[in-house]
C-alpha atoms as a PDB file:
ATOM      1  CA  MET A   1       4.871 -12.621  -8.616  1.00  0.00           C
ATOM      2  CA  VAL A   2       3.985  -8.985  -8.642  1.00  0.00           C
ATOM      3  CA  LEU A   3       1.849  -7.720  -5.165  1.00  0.00           C
ATOM      4  CA  VAL A   4       0.892  -5.246  -3.470  1.00  0.00           C
ATOM      5  CA  VAL A   5      -1.514  -5.512  -1.206  1.00  0.00           C
ATOM      6  CA  PRO A   6      -2.568  -2.118   2.112  1.00  0.00           C
ATOM      7  CA  ALA A   7      -0.940  -1.603   4.511  1.00  0.00           C
ATOM      8  CA  PHE A   8      -0.772  -1.604   8.312  1.00  0.00           C
ATOM      9  CA  GLU A   9      -4.120  -2.463   9.956  1.00  0.00           C
ATOM     10  CA  PHE A  10      -4.394   0.569  12.228  1.00  0.00           C
ATOM     11  CA  ALA A  11      -5.830   1.816   8.489  1.00  0.00           C
ATOM     12  CA  MET A  12      -8.007  -1.372   8.431  1.00  0.00           C
ATOM     13  CA  SER A  13     -12.439   0.365   7.675  1.00  0.00           C
ATOM     14  CA  LYS A  14     -15.250  -0.329   6.696  1.00  0.00           C
ATOM     15  CA  PHE A  15     -14.399   0.478   2.947  1.00  0.00           C
ATOM     16  CA  ASP A  16     -11.071  -2.070   2.877  1.00  0.00           C
ATOM     17  CA  LEU A  17     -13.685  -4.604   3.595  1.00  0.00           C
ATOM     18  CA  GLU A  18     -16.665  -3.802   0.932  1.00  0.00           C
ATOM     19  CA  ILE A  19     -13.750  -3.660  -1.985  1.00  0.00           C
ATOM     20  CA  GLY A  20     -12.642  -6.970   0.010  1.00  0.00           C
ATOM     21  CA  HIS A  21      -9.457  -6.265   1.831  1.00  0.00           C
ATOM     22  CA  GLN A  22      -9.446  -9.670   3.822  1.00  0.00           C
ATOM     23  CA  ARG A  23      -6.681  -7.774   5.973  1.00  0.00           C
ATOM     24  CA  ARG A  24      -2.903  -6.077   6.424  1.00  0.00           C
ATOM     25  CA  TYR A  25       0.148  -5.688   6.196  1.00  0.00           C
ATOM     26  CA  THR A  26       3.335  -4.876   7.577  1.00  0.00           C
ATOM     27  CA  LYS A  27       6.279  -5.947   5.594  1.00  0.00           C
ATOM     28  CA  ALA A  28       7.483  -8.081   7.781  1.00  0.00           C
ATOM     29  CA  SER A  29       3.975 -10.534   7.918  1.00  0.00           C
ATOM     30  CA  MET A  30       4.226 -10.045   3.816  1.00  0.00           C
ATOM     31  CA  ALA A  31       7.553 -11.330   3.967  1.00  0.00           C
ATOM     32  CA  GLU A  32       5.872 -14.087   6.281  1.00  0.00           C
ATOM     33  CA  ALA A  33       4.138 -15.212   3.840  1.00  0.00           C
ATOM     34  CA  LEU A  34       5.448 -15.451   1.333  1.00  0.00           C
ATOM     35  CA  THR A  35       8.324 -17.757   2.526  1.00  0.00           C
ATOM     36  CA  SER A  36       5.960 -19.622   3.857  1.00  0.00           C
ATOM     37  CA  ALA A  37       4.079 -20.452   0.884  1.00  0.00           C
ATOM     38  CA  GLY A  38       7.499 -20.776  -0.702  1.00  0.00           C
ATOM     39  CA  LEU A  39       8.949 -17.959  -2.425  1.00  0.00           C
ATOM     40  CA  GLU A  40      11.685 -16.182  -2.195  1.00  0.00           C
ATOM     41  CA  ILE A  41      11.975 -13.037  -2.180  1.00  0.00           C
ATOM     42  CA  GLU A  42      13.634 -10.503  -4.377  1.00  0.00           C
ATOM     43  CA  ARG A  43      11.335  -7.604  -2.743  1.00  0.00           C
ATOM     44  CA  CYS A  44       9.645  -5.620  -0.332  1.00  0.00           C
ATOM     45  CA  GLN A  45       8.875  -2.505   1.025  1.00  0.00           C
ATOM     46  CA  TYR A  46       6.137  -0.138   1.255  1.00  0.00           C
ATOM     47  CA  ILE A  47       4.439   2.436  -1.690  1.00  0.00           C
ATOM     48  CA  ASN A  48       2.604   5.519  -1.270  1.00  0.00           C
ATOM     49  CA  ALA A  49       4.122   6.359   2.251  1.00  0.00           C
ATOM     50  CA  LEU A  50       1.735  10.415   2.053  1.00  0.00           C
ATOM     51  CA  GLY A  51      -1.511   7.935   0.133  1.00  0.00           C
ATOM     52  CA  LEU A  52      -1.266   6.360   4.129  1.00  0.00           C
ATOM     53  CA  PHE A  53      -1.795   8.869   6.323  1.00  0.00           C
ATOM     54  CA  ALA A  54      -4.391  10.815   2.946  1.00  0.00           C
ATOM     55  CA  TRP A  55      -5.962   6.848   2.979  1.00  0.00           C
ATOM     56  CA  TYR A  56      -6.279   6.714   7.719  1.00  0.00           C
ATOM     57  CA  GLY A  57      -7.565  10.355   7.207  1.00  0.00           C
ATOM     58  CA  ALA A  58     -10.521  10.202   4.902  1.00  0.00           C
ATOM     59  CA  VAL A  59     -11.754   6.851   5.012  1.00  0.00           C
ATOM     60  CA  LYS A  60     -10.799   5.550   8.596  1.00  0.00           C
ATOM     61  CA  LEU A  61     -11.502   8.437  10.146  1.00  0.00           C
ATOM     62  CA  LEU A  62     -13.695  10.420   8.348  1.00  0.00           C
ATOM     63  CA  ASN A  63     -15.386   7.160   7.045  1.00  0.00           C
ATOM     64  CA  ARG A  64     -15.710   8.201   2.886  1.00  0.00           C
ATOM     65  CA  ARG A  65     -15.159   6.521   0.073  1.00  0.00           C
ATOM     66  CA  PRO A  66     -12.892   7.068  -2.639  1.00  0.00           C
ATOM     67  CA  GLN A  67     -14.237   8.474  -5.987  1.00  0.00           C
ATOM     68  CA  GLU A  68     -13.081  11.204  -8.937  1.00  0.00           C
ATOM     69  CA  SER A  69     -12.876  14.595  -7.565  1.00  0.00           C
ATOM     70  CA  PRO A  70     -10.651  16.834  -8.957  1.00  0.00           C
ATOM     71  CA  MET A  71      -7.600  16.277  -5.619  1.00  0.00           C
ATOM     72  CA  LEU A  72      -7.446  12.831  -6.571  1.00  0.00           C
ATOM     73  CA  THR A  73      -6.899  13.561  -9.839  1.00  0.00           C
ATOM     74  CA  LEU A  74      -3.934  16.453  -9.517  1.00  0.00           C
ATOM     75  CA  TYR A  75      -2.267  14.065  -6.510  1.00  0.00           C
ATOM     76  CA  ASP A  76      -2.634  10.805  -8.889  1.00  0.00           C
ATOM     77  CA  LYS A  77      -0.983  13.348 -12.248  1.00  0.00           C
ATOM     78  CA  VAL A  78       1.413  15.090 -10.437  1.00  0.00           C
ATOM     79  CA  TYR A  79       1.401  13.622  -7.175  1.00  0.00           C
ATOM     80  CA  ILE A  80       2.571  10.584  -7.785  1.00  0.00           C
ATOM     81  CA  PRO A  81       5.584  10.093 -10.923  1.00  0.00           C
ATOM     82  CA  VAL A  82       7.177  12.778  -8.425  1.00  0.00           C
ATOM     83  CA  GLU A  83       6.417  10.383  -5.599  1.00  0.00           C
ATOM     84  CA  ARG A  84       7.401   6.957  -7.713  1.00  0.00           C
ATOM     85  CA  ARG A  85      10.648   8.837  -8.908  1.00  0.00           C
ATOM     86  CA  ILE A  86      11.815   9.924  -4.677  1.00  0.00           C
ATOM     87  CA  GLU A  87      10.785   6.407  -3.636  1.00  0.00           C
ATOM     88  CA  SER A  88      13.249   4.357  -6.494  1.00  0.00           C
ATOM     89  CA  LYS A  89      15.823   6.773  -4.803  1.00  0.00           C
ATOM     90  CA  ILE A  90      14.337   6.121  -0.908  1.00  0.00           C
ATOM     91  CA  ARG A  91      12.623   4.007   0.636  1.00  0.00           C
ATOM     92  CA  PRO A  92      10.100   4.454   2.750  1.00  0.00           C
ATOM     93  CA  PRO A  93       9.988   3.245   7.341  1.00  0.00           C
ATOM     94  CA  PHE A  94       5.681   3.109   5.814  1.00  0.00           C
ATOM     95  CA  GLY A  95       3.348   3.213   3.461  1.00  0.00           C
ATOM     96  CA  GLN A  96      -0.161   3.375   1.959  1.00  0.00           C
ATOM     97  CA  SER A  97       0.887  -0.289   0.213  1.00  0.00           C
ATOM     98  CA  VAL A  98       4.036  -3.431   0.139  1.00  0.00           C
ATOM     99  CA  PHE A  99       5.066  -3.487  -3.141  1.00  0.00           C
ATOM    100  CA  ALA A 100       6.507  -7.473  -3.221  1.00  0.00           C
ATOM    101  CA  VAL A 101       8.077  -9.079  -5.929  1.00  0.00           C
ATOM    102  CA  ALA A 102       8.407 -13.361  -5.169  1.00  0.00           C
ATOM    103  CA  ARG A 103       9.767 -15.956  -7.693  1.00  0.00           C
ATOM    104  CA  ALA A 104       9.132 -19.793  -6.935  1.00  0.00           C
ATOM    105  CA  ARG A 105      12.193 -21.304  -5.895  1.00  0.00           C
END
């Protein structure tokens, strides 16, 4: 199973609830949920460190909804590929999401 779930409860917003997020996770709470379900964790890490700041500022503090814009397109096309290369070598201590890979025992 491959999961990408929202990280950090402090970043929960009205928008999260509107799009169906029930909760946000830490690496520890995601690992607990997976092991409690009888799964073996192969990988569990934070991803998109900068995205957490952007999400918190725009969606939580300013109460804005993410929408298509030149800035978001630039972020997706330029920053995300660079971030993926960096985060494949250095795992950040926080992120906008938790990425997990688990399998049945």
